[in-house]
Protein backbone atom coordinates (compact mmCIF):
# COMPACT_ATOMS: atom_id res chain seq x y z
CA MET A 1 6.68 -48.34 46.15
CA SER A 2 4.38 -51.36 46.04
CA THR A 3 4.41 -53.79 43.17
CA SER A 4 0.84 -52.83 42.22
CA SER A 5 1.92 -49.34 41.35
CA ARG A 6 4.76 -50.39 38.98
CA PRO A 7 2.47 -51.12 35.96
CA CYS A 8 0.67 -47.86 36.39
CA ARG A 9 4.02 -46.03 36.43
CA ALA A 10 5.29 -47.90 33.35
CA THR A 11 2.11 -46.81 31.55
CA LEU A 12 2.64 -43.19 32.39
CA LEU A 13 6.27 -43.28 31.20
CA ALA A 14 5.29 -44.86 27.95
CA SER A 15 2.53 -42.23 27.37
CA ALA A 16 5.03 -39.47 28.14
CA PHE A 17 7.51 -40.92 25.77
CA ALA A 18 5.03 -41.27 22.96
CA LEU A 19 3.90 -37.68 23.53
CA ALA A 20 7.52 -36.42 23.27
CA LEU A 21 7.98 -38.33 19.95
CA SER A 22 4.78 -36.78 18.59
CA CYS A 23 5.93 -33.25 19.49
CA CYS A 24 9.34 -33.87 17.88
CA SER A 25 7.89 -35.41 14.62
CA GLU A 26 7.33 -33.43 11.45
CA PRO A 27 4.07 -31.41 11.37
CA THR A 28 1.35 -32.75 9.13
CA GLY A 29 -1.04 -30.80 7.07
CA ARG A 30 -0.84 -27.22 5.84
CA GLY A 31 -0.23 -24.34 8.05
CA PRO A 32 -0.95 -20.57 7.38
CA ASP A 33 2.49 -20.08 5.86
CA THR A 34 2.08 -22.78 3.26
CA VAL A 35 2.15 -21.43 -0.33
CA VAL A 36 -0.52 -23.13 -2.37
CA GLY A 37 -1.26 -23.12 -6.16
CA ALA A 38 -4.15 -21.58 -7.91
CA ASP A 39 -6.44 -24.68 -7.80
CA GLU A 40 -5.91 -25.13 -4.10
CA PHE A 41 -6.45 -21.43 -3.56
CA ILE A 42 -9.78 -21.55 -5.43
CA THR A 43 -10.93 -24.53 -3.45
CA ALA A 44 -10.04 -22.92 -0.14
CA PHE A 45 -11.83 -19.66 -1.14
CA ARG A 46 -15.02 -21.53 -2.16
CA GLU A 47 -14.96 -23.31 1.17
CA GLY A 48 -14.45 -20.02 3.12
CA ARG A 49 -10.99 -20.80 4.42
CA SER A 50 -8.74 -18.65 2.05
CA ALA A 51 -7.37 -16.76 5.09
CA ARG A 52 -5.64 -19.89 6.08
CA VAL A 53 -3.53 -20.31 2.95
CA ARG A 54 -0.82 -18.18 1.37
CA VAL A 55 -0.24 -17.61 -2.25
CA ASP A 56 2.56 -16.45 -4.44
CA PRO A 57 1.24 -15.29 -7.81
CA THR A 58 4.81 -14.98 -9.22
CA THR A 59 5.44 -18.72 -9.10
CA ALA A 60 5.44 -20.73 -12.34
CA GLY A 61 2.02 -22.26 -13.16
CA TRP A 62 -0.13 -19.67 -11.29
CA ASP A 63 -3.29 -19.37 -13.21
CA THR A 64 -4.61 -15.81 -12.66
CA ASP A 65 -7.46 -16.27 -15.21
CA ALA A 66 -8.67 -19.37 -13.35
CA VAL A 67 -8.87 -17.38 -10.01
CA ILE A 68 -10.75 -14.52 -11.81
CA ASP A 69 -13.27 -16.96 -13.30
CA ALA A 70 -13.79 -18.62 -9.84
CA LEU A 71 -14.29 -15.40 -8.04
CA THR A 72 -16.79 -14.02 -10.68
CA GLU A 73 -18.64 -17.46 -10.50
CA ILE A 74 -19.12 -16.86 -6.74
CA ILE A 75 -20.49 -13.27 -7.45
CA VAL A 76 -23.00 -14.76 -9.94
CA HIS A 77 -24.11 -17.86 -8.05
CA GLY A 78 -23.20 -17.10 -4.45
CA ASP A 79 -23.60 -20.09 -2.09
CA ASN A 80 -24.83 -22.27 -4.94
CA VAL A 81 -21.11 -22.71 -5.71
CA HIS A 82 -20.53 -23.87 -2.13
CA PRO A 83 -22.53 -23.37 1.11
CA ARG A 84 -19.64 -21.28 2.55
CA ALA A 85 -18.97 -19.24 -0.61
CA SER A 86 -19.41 -15.44 -0.08
CA ARG A 87 -20.23 -12.90 -2.67
CA ASP A 88 -18.87 -10.19 -0.33
CA ARG A 89 -15.53 -11.96 0.02
CA ALA A 90 -15.32 -12.65 -3.71
CA ALA A 91 -15.86 -8.98 -4.58
CA SER A 92 -13.33 -7.89 -1.87
CA ALA A 93 -10.79 -10.32 -3.41
CA LEU A 94 -11.26 -8.71 -6.88
CA ALA A 95 -11.02 -5.32 -5.41
CA HIS A 96 -7.70 -5.86 -3.58
CA ARG A 97 -6.07 -8.59 -5.77
CA ARG A 98 -3.48 -9.88 -3.33
CA TRP A 99 -3.47 -13.05 -5.31
CA MET A 100 -2.42 -11.19 -8.55
CA ALA A 101 1.12 -10.32 -9.53
CA LYS A 102 1.87 -6.65 -9.25
CA ALA A 103 3.77 -4.46 -11.61
CA GLU A 104 6.92 -2.96 -9.94
CA LYS A 105 6.56 0.38 -11.54
CA PRO A 106 3.12 0.89 -13.29
CA THR A 107 3.57 2.79 -16.57
CA ASP A 108 -0.18 3.47 -17.01
CA SER A 109 -1.32 7.00 -16.14
CA ARG A 110 -3.80 5.46 -13.68
CA ALA A 111 -0.87 4.18 -11.62
CA LEU A 112 -2.51 0.78 -10.71
CA ASP A 113 -0.19 -1.93 -10.01
CA SER A 114 -2.65 -4.57 -11.34
CA MET A 115 -5.77 -4.58 -13.51
CA LEU A 116 -8.80 -6.84 -14.22
CA PRO A 117 -9.82 -8.00 -17.65
CA ALA A 118 -12.66 -6.12 -19.39
CA ARG A 119 -14.51 -9.42 -19.93
CA ILE A 120 -15.72 -9.45 -16.31
CA ALA A 121 -17.14 -5.88 -16.39
CA PRO A 122 -20.69 -6.98 -17.30
CA ILE A 123 -20.76 -9.44 -14.30
CA LEU A 124 -19.59 -6.73 -11.88
CA LEU A 125 -22.11 -4.11 -13.49
CA ALA A 126 -25.05 -6.59 -13.01
CA ALA A 127 -23.91 -7.35 -9.47
CA LEU A 128 -23.77 -3.60 -8.61
CA ARG A 129 -27.26 -3.05 -9.97
CA ASP A 130 -28.73 -6.00 -8.04
CA ALA A 131 -26.63 -5.51 -4.90
CA PRO A 132 -28.45 -5.41 -1.59
CA ARG A 133 -27.91 -2.46 0.72
CA LEU A 134 -24.62 -3.74 1.92
CA SER A 135 -22.06 -0.99 1.89
CA HIS A 136 -18.93 -3.27 1.88
CA TYR A 137 -20.19 -5.23 -1.07
CA ARG A 138 -20.92 -2.14 -3.07
CA GLN A 139 -17.61 -0.65 -2.17
CA SER A 140 -15.68 -3.63 -3.28
CA LEU A 141 -17.57 -3.87 -6.61
CA LEU A 142 -16.89 -0.25 -7.33
CA THR A 143 -13.15 -0.66 -6.58
CA ALA A 144 -13.15 -3.71 -8.75
CA LEU A 145 -14.78 -1.90 -11.67
CA ALA A 146 -12.26 0.92 -11.32
CA SER A 147 -9.53 -1.65 -11.93
CA ILE A 148 -10.81 -2.80 -15.31
CA ASP A 149 -8.10 -2.47 -17.89
CA ALA A 150 -10.29 -1.00 -20.63
CA PRO A 151 -13.17 0.60 -18.91
CA THR A 152 -16.35 1.06 -21.06
CA PRO A 153 -18.73 3.93 -21.02
CA GLU A 154 -21.06 1.75 -18.93
CA VAL A 155 -18.32 1.14 -16.30
CA ILE A 156 -17.52 4.86 -16.14
CA ALA A 157 -21.10 5.87 -15.75
CA ALA A 158 -21.64 3.30 -13.00
CA VAL A 159 -18.72 4.50 -10.93
CA CYS A 160 -19.45 8.20 -11.44
CA GLY A 161 -23.09 7.72 -10.58
CA TRP A 162 -22.41 6.54 -7.01
CA ILE A 163 -20.38 9.52 -6.05
CA THR A 164 -23.38 11.22 -4.63
CA ASP A 165 -24.92 8.07 -3.02
CA ASP A 166 -26.69 8.57 0.22
CA ASP A 167 -24.46 6.11 1.94
CA PRO A 168 -21.29 8.11 2.70
CA ARG A 169 -19.11 4.98 2.67
CA VAL A 170 -20.23 3.98 -0.72
CA ALA A 171 -19.85 7.63 -1.98
CA ALA A 172 -16.30 7.74 -0.58
CA SER A 173 -15.42 4.48 -2.40
CA ALA A 174 -16.94 5.83 -5.68
CA THR A 175 -14.82 9.01 -5.33
CA LYS A 176 -11.76 6.95 -4.91
CA ALA A 177 -12.80 4.66 -7.82
CA ALA A 178 -13.29 7.58 -10.07
CA GLY A 179 -9.74 8.66 -9.41
CA MET A 180 -8.50 5.13 -10.19
CA LEU A 181 -10.19 5.40 -13.63
CA GLY A 182 -8.06 8.57 -14.27
CA VAL A 183 -8.98 10.62 -17.28
CA HIS A 184 -11.54 8.00 -18.38
CA ALA A 185 -13.79 9.44 -15.67
CA ALA A 186 -13.41 13.07 -16.76
CA ALA A 187 -17.16 13.34 -16.69
CA ALA A 188 -16.99 13.36 -12.89
CA ALA A 189 -14.84 16.46 -12.75
CA ASP A 190 -17.76 18.85 -12.26
CA GLU A 191 -19.28 16.95 -9.37
CA LEU A 192 -15.82 16.53 -7.72
CA GLU A 193 -15.17 20.27 -8.10
CA ARG A 194 -18.52 20.92 -6.29
CA LEU A 195 -17.51 18.63 -3.39
CA LEU A 196 -14.06 20.26 -3.15
CA HIS A 197 -15.61 23.68 -2.74
CA PRO A 198 -14.70 25.34 0.49
CA ASP A 199 -18.45 25.57 1.31
CA VAL A 200 -18.51 21.74 1.43
CA PRO A 201 -15.61 20.97 3.83
CA GLY A 202 -16.87 17.64 4.92
CA TYR A 203 -18.98 16.43 7.86
CA TRP A 204 -19.28 13.83 10.45
CA VAL A 205 -21.92 11.08 10.49
CA GLU A 206 -22.59 8.22 12.93
CA LEU A 207 -22.62 4.73 11.31
CA ASP A 208 -22.63 1.39 13.08
CA GLY A 209 -21.84 3.05 16.40
CA ARG A 210 -18.81 5.01 15.23
CA TRP A 211 -18.26 8.40 13.78
CA LEU A 212 -17.06 8.59 10.14
CA TRP A 213 -15.58 11.61 8.32
CA VAL A 214 -17.34 12.07 4.94
CA ALA A 215 -16.16 14.10 1.97
CA ASP A 216 -12.46 13.88 2.79
CA ARG A 217 -10.95 16.76 0.88
CA THR A 218 -7.69 14.94 0.31
CA GLU A 219 -9.47 11.99 -1.54
CA ILE A 220 -11.73 14.33 -3.39
CA ALA A 221 -8.82 16.57 -4.48
CA GLY A 222 -6.81 13.43 -5.46
CA ALA A 223 -9.71 12.05 -7.53
CA LEU A 224 -10.23 15.45 -9.26
CA ALA A 225 -6.56 15.76 -10.10
CA ARG A 226 -6.49 12.24 -11.47
CA VAL A 227 -9.65 12.59 -13.71
CA SER A 228 -8.59 15.95 -15.14
CA GLU A 229 -6.77 15.81 -18.49
CA ARG A 230 -4.77 18.96 -17.57
CA PRO A 231 -3.20 19.88 -14.27
CA HIS A 232 -6.03 20.98 -12.02
CA VAL A 233 -4.49 23.75 -9.91
CA GLY A 234 -7.25 23.88 -7.41
CA ALA A 235 -7.02 20.18 -6.69
CA LEU A 236 -3.24 20.32 -6.54
CA ASP A 237 -3.34 23.27 -4.02
CA ALA A 238 -5.69 21.30 -1.85
CA LEU A 239 -3.31 18.27 -1.95
CA VAL A 240 -0.29 20.39 -0.87
CA LEU A 241 -2.43 21.88 1.88
CA SER A 242 -3.26 18.38 3.05
CA VAL A 243 0.54 17.54 3.17
CA ARG A 244 0.97 20.46 5.54
CA GLY A 245 -1.95 19.36 7.63
CA ASP A 246 -1.90 17.91 11.12
CA GLN A 247 -3.43 14.48 10.14
CA GLU A 248 -0.92 11.92 9.28
CA GLY A 249 -3.14 9.74 7.18
CA PRO A 250 -4.45 12.41 4.80
CA ALA A 251 -1.03 13.91 4.55
CA SER A 252 0.48 10.62 3.47
CA ARG A 253 -2.26 9.98 1.02
CA ALA A 254 -1.86 13.37 -0.52
CA VAL A 255 1.78 12.71 -1.22
CA GLU A 256 0.80 9.43 -2.90
CA HIS A 257 -1.62 11.20 -5.09
CA LEU A 258 0.94 13.83 -6.12
CA ARG A 259 3.60 11.22 -6.79
CA ASP A 260 1.26 9.10 -8.90
CA LEU A 261 0.14 12.09 -10.93
CA GLY A 262 3.70 12.54 -12.11
CA PRO A 263 4.24 15.51 -14.51
CA ARG A 264 0.49 16.34 -14.27
CA ALA A 265 1.27 17.62 -10.75
CA ALA A 266 3.89 20.06 -11.94
CA PRO A 267 2.26 23.19 -10.45
CA ALA A 268 2.67 21.51 -6.97
CA VAL A 269 6.47 21.12 -7.14
CA ASP A 270 7.21 24.49 -5.57
CA GLY A 271 4.91 23.87 -2.75
CA LEU A 272 6.51 20.44 -2.12
CA LEU A 273 9.98 21.97 -2.35
CA ALA A 274 9.02 24.56 0.28
CA ILE A 275 7.87 21.73 2.55
CA LEU A 276 11.19 19.85 1.97
CA HIS A 277 13.13 22.99 3.01
CA GLU A 278 11.30 23.25 6.23
CA HIS A 279 12.93 20.05 7.57
CA ASN A 280 9.85 19.04 9.41
CA SER A 281 9.95 15.37 10.53
CA GLU A 282 6.36 15.43 11.48
CA ARG A 283 5.33 15.46 7.81
CA PRO A 284 5.53 12.59 5.35
CA PRO A 285 8.65 12.38 3.08
CA VAL A 286 8.08 14.39 -0.10
CA ALA A 287 11.31 14.06 -1.98
CA ALA A 288 10.35 11.01 -3.92
CA ALA A 289 7.17 12.84 -5.02
CA ILE A 290 9.10 15.80 -6.17
CA VAL A 291 11.34 13.66 -8.32
CA ALA A 292 8.41 11.65 -9.76
CA ILE A 293 6.77 14.89 -10.84
CA ALA A 294 9.92 16.64 -12.07
CA PRO A 295 12.84 14.22 -12.69
CA ASP A 296 15.16 17.17 -13.48
CA ARG A 297 14.94 18.17 -9.89
CA LEU A 298 16.70 15.00 -8.64
CA PRO A 299 20.29 16.36 -8.66
CA GLY A 300 19.22 19.37 -6.59
CA VAL A 301 17.11 17.27 -4.20
CA LEU A 302 20.07 14.84 -3.61
CA ALA A 303 22.53 17.61 -3.10
CA LEU A 304 20.28 19.12 -0.52
CA LEU A 305 19.50 15.96 1.43
CA THR A 306 23.17 14.65 1.43
CA GLY A 307 24.31 18.00 2.75
CA LEU A 308 21.75 18.02 5.47
CA SER A 309 22.49 14.44 6.37
CA ALA A 310 26.17 15.35 6.84
CA GLY A 311 25.38 18.35 9.01
CA GLN A 312 25.76 18.58 12.77
CA ASP A 313 22.12 19.34 13.61
CA ARG A 314 20.71 16.04 14.77
CA PRO A 315 17.04 16.50 14.06
CA THR A 316 17.80 17.86 10.59
CA ALA A 317 20.17 14.97 9.89
CA ILE A 318 17.45 12.44 10.98
CA PHE A 319 14.91 14.28 8.72
CA ALA A 320 17.32 14.07 5.70
CA ASP A 321 18.06 10.38 6.42
CA HIS A 322 14.29 9.49 6.21
CA GLU A 323 13.84 11.43 3.01
CA LEU A 324 16.87 9.65 1.52
CA LEU A 325 15.63 6.25 2.61
CA ASN A 326 12.22 6.94 0.96
CA LEU A 327 13.94 8.21 -2.18
CA SER A 328 16.19 5.14 -2.28
CA ARG A 329 13.05 2.89 -2.30
CA GLU A 330 12.04 4.58 -5.57
CA LEU A 331 15.47 4.89 -7.16
CA GLY A 332 17.02 1.69 -5.96
CA ASP A 333 20.63 0.92 -7.08
CA SER A 334 20.49 3.69 -9.73
CA PRO A 335 23.42 5.70 -11.11
CA GLU A 336 22.12 8.80 -9.28
CA MET A 337 22.24 6.99 -5.97
CA ARG A 338 25.72 5.51 -6.62
CA ALA A 339 27.00 8.96 -7.38
CA VAL A 340 26.17 10.20 -3.80
CA THR A 341 27.29 6.98 -2.15
CA PRO A 342 30.60 8.48 -0.91
CA ALA A 343 28.72 11.29 0.76
CA LEU A 344 26.26 8.84 2.28
CA ILE A 345 29.01 6.59 3.63
CA ALA A 346 30.81 9.62 5.12
CA ALA A 347 27.55 10.75 6.84
CA LEU A 348 26.94 7.23 8.14
CA GLY A 349 29.95 7.51 10.48
CA THR A 350 28.72 10.73 12.16
CA HIS A 351 26.19 10.92 15.00
CA PRO A 352 25.27 7.94 17.20
CA ALA A 353 24.46 4.72 15.29
CA GLU A 354 20.92 4.65 16.59
CA ASP A 355 20.23 8.00 14.70
CA ARG A 356 21.57 6.57 11.52
CA LEU A 357 19.34 3.51 11.05
CA ALA A 358 17.35 5.04 8.23
CA LEU A 359 20.48 6.16 6.45
CA SER A 360 22.04 2.68 6.75
CA LYS A 361 19.02 1.21 5.06
CA ALA A 362 19.42 3.66 2.25
CA VAL A 363 23.05 2.67 1.77
CA ARG A 364 22.18 -0.95 1.89
CA ARG A 365 19.96 -0.51 -1.22
CA ILE A 366 23.01 0.63 -3.14
CA ASP A 367 24.83 -2.49 -4.55
CA THR A 368 28.51 -1.44 -4.63
CA ARG A 369 31.51 -2.92 -2.92
CA ALA A 370 32.01 0.27 -0.92
CA SER A 371 28.34 0.45 0.24
CA ARG A 372 28.32 -3.16 1.32
CA LYS A 373 31.50 -2.65 3.29
CA ALA A 374 30.17 0.51 4.96
CA TYR A 375 26.91 -1.20 5.84
CA ARG A 376 28.74 -4.06 7.47
CA ALA A 377 30.98 -1.72 9.39
CA PHE A 378 27.83 0.19 10.55
CA LEU A 379 26.27 -2.96 11.82
CA ARG A 380 29.34 -3.71 13.97
CA ARG A 381 29.43 -0.21 15.35
CA GLU A 382 25.64 -0.28 16.00
CA ARG A 383 26.01 -3.50 18.01
CA ARG A 384 28.93 -2.05 20.02
CA GLU A 385 27.04 1.08 20.91
CA ARG A 386 23.80 -0.86 21.62
CA GLY A 387 25.76 -3.27 23.86
CA ALA A 388 27.15 -0.43 25.72
CA SER A 389 23.87 1.32 26.38
CA ALA A 390 21.90 -1.98 26.76
CA SER A 391 19.35 -0.63 24.39
CA ARG A 392 17.21 -2.76 22.24
CA TRP A 393 17.68 -3.26 18.49
CA THR A 394 15.35 -1.31 16.27
CA PRO A 395 15.02 -3.01 12.83
């Protein structure tokens, strides 16, 4: 190598060394996983970069009211707040409320895990009246209005008035919003009954280059059941029929409606029990909904499922395991789940480990010494069997 090439080589080595140091150094700035406070979230939202930050509304010092005020300010003033501020995004944030702490088990009959203060209702109503023909913006405003903690007659009338809107997307959101208002929106019952009639089964429309199903009977039935002060047998029958349907989305949503209704869905219990006894894994789990509607059925439901889980029929056992897992998510480490722990542990040792993943997760939710020991033993067995078959881990 010539002497003239040595400085060039030294320069390259120095550059490579500096690059390596920069790669190994601590990252600067905030990444998408950085948890920020309320003030920083508000600033990011105004500047149109809220998707780049993460919030935890359960942390000390989180100011929910400040966030609400900032979002309503954007709805009122738009890009006068900031050139990148968006009314549409602000309304969507109020509708979905990922920045607001959720109640673990809502006790209100409306079954909402968070609500907005009544003081912002006039702002949302004014925005809805003046809203341009933008479906998504109106949809978000309707959902936000349905989340008001003390809905006024003006809020109720506004939501119910959009159920028959010409835009099917807005009408669908208004239907769901009426259901979110619960018995406050009882005035919408007649219109929802008309939509639920068999002569109005729904229809397809083309919007924005795609086909959209309008007048979804599951959502209409759910809203009708929610706004009715007494159990609405017609709506409940329609929901049970949806659970038996071939479409996974509407079936799961129907179960959610029935579960949230609680005792008001009592006439649907027999239909759900019949579905449970069919052992059909293609349908969504229904045991948790049965127990939410009729808590006195819990012992019988647990006895049925633990017996099926311990059985020799593999598809039936897997079906029971998924029902037990779903039920454990509702019951947690409860006395009822602890009472069946020995049966669950015994069943955990039967069938190949890959068939028992759902049951193992149910056992893991029970905080006893025996359940913890059984879960650790299951993990060791699962690893051995997976290693022997060279199969991949399914979390």
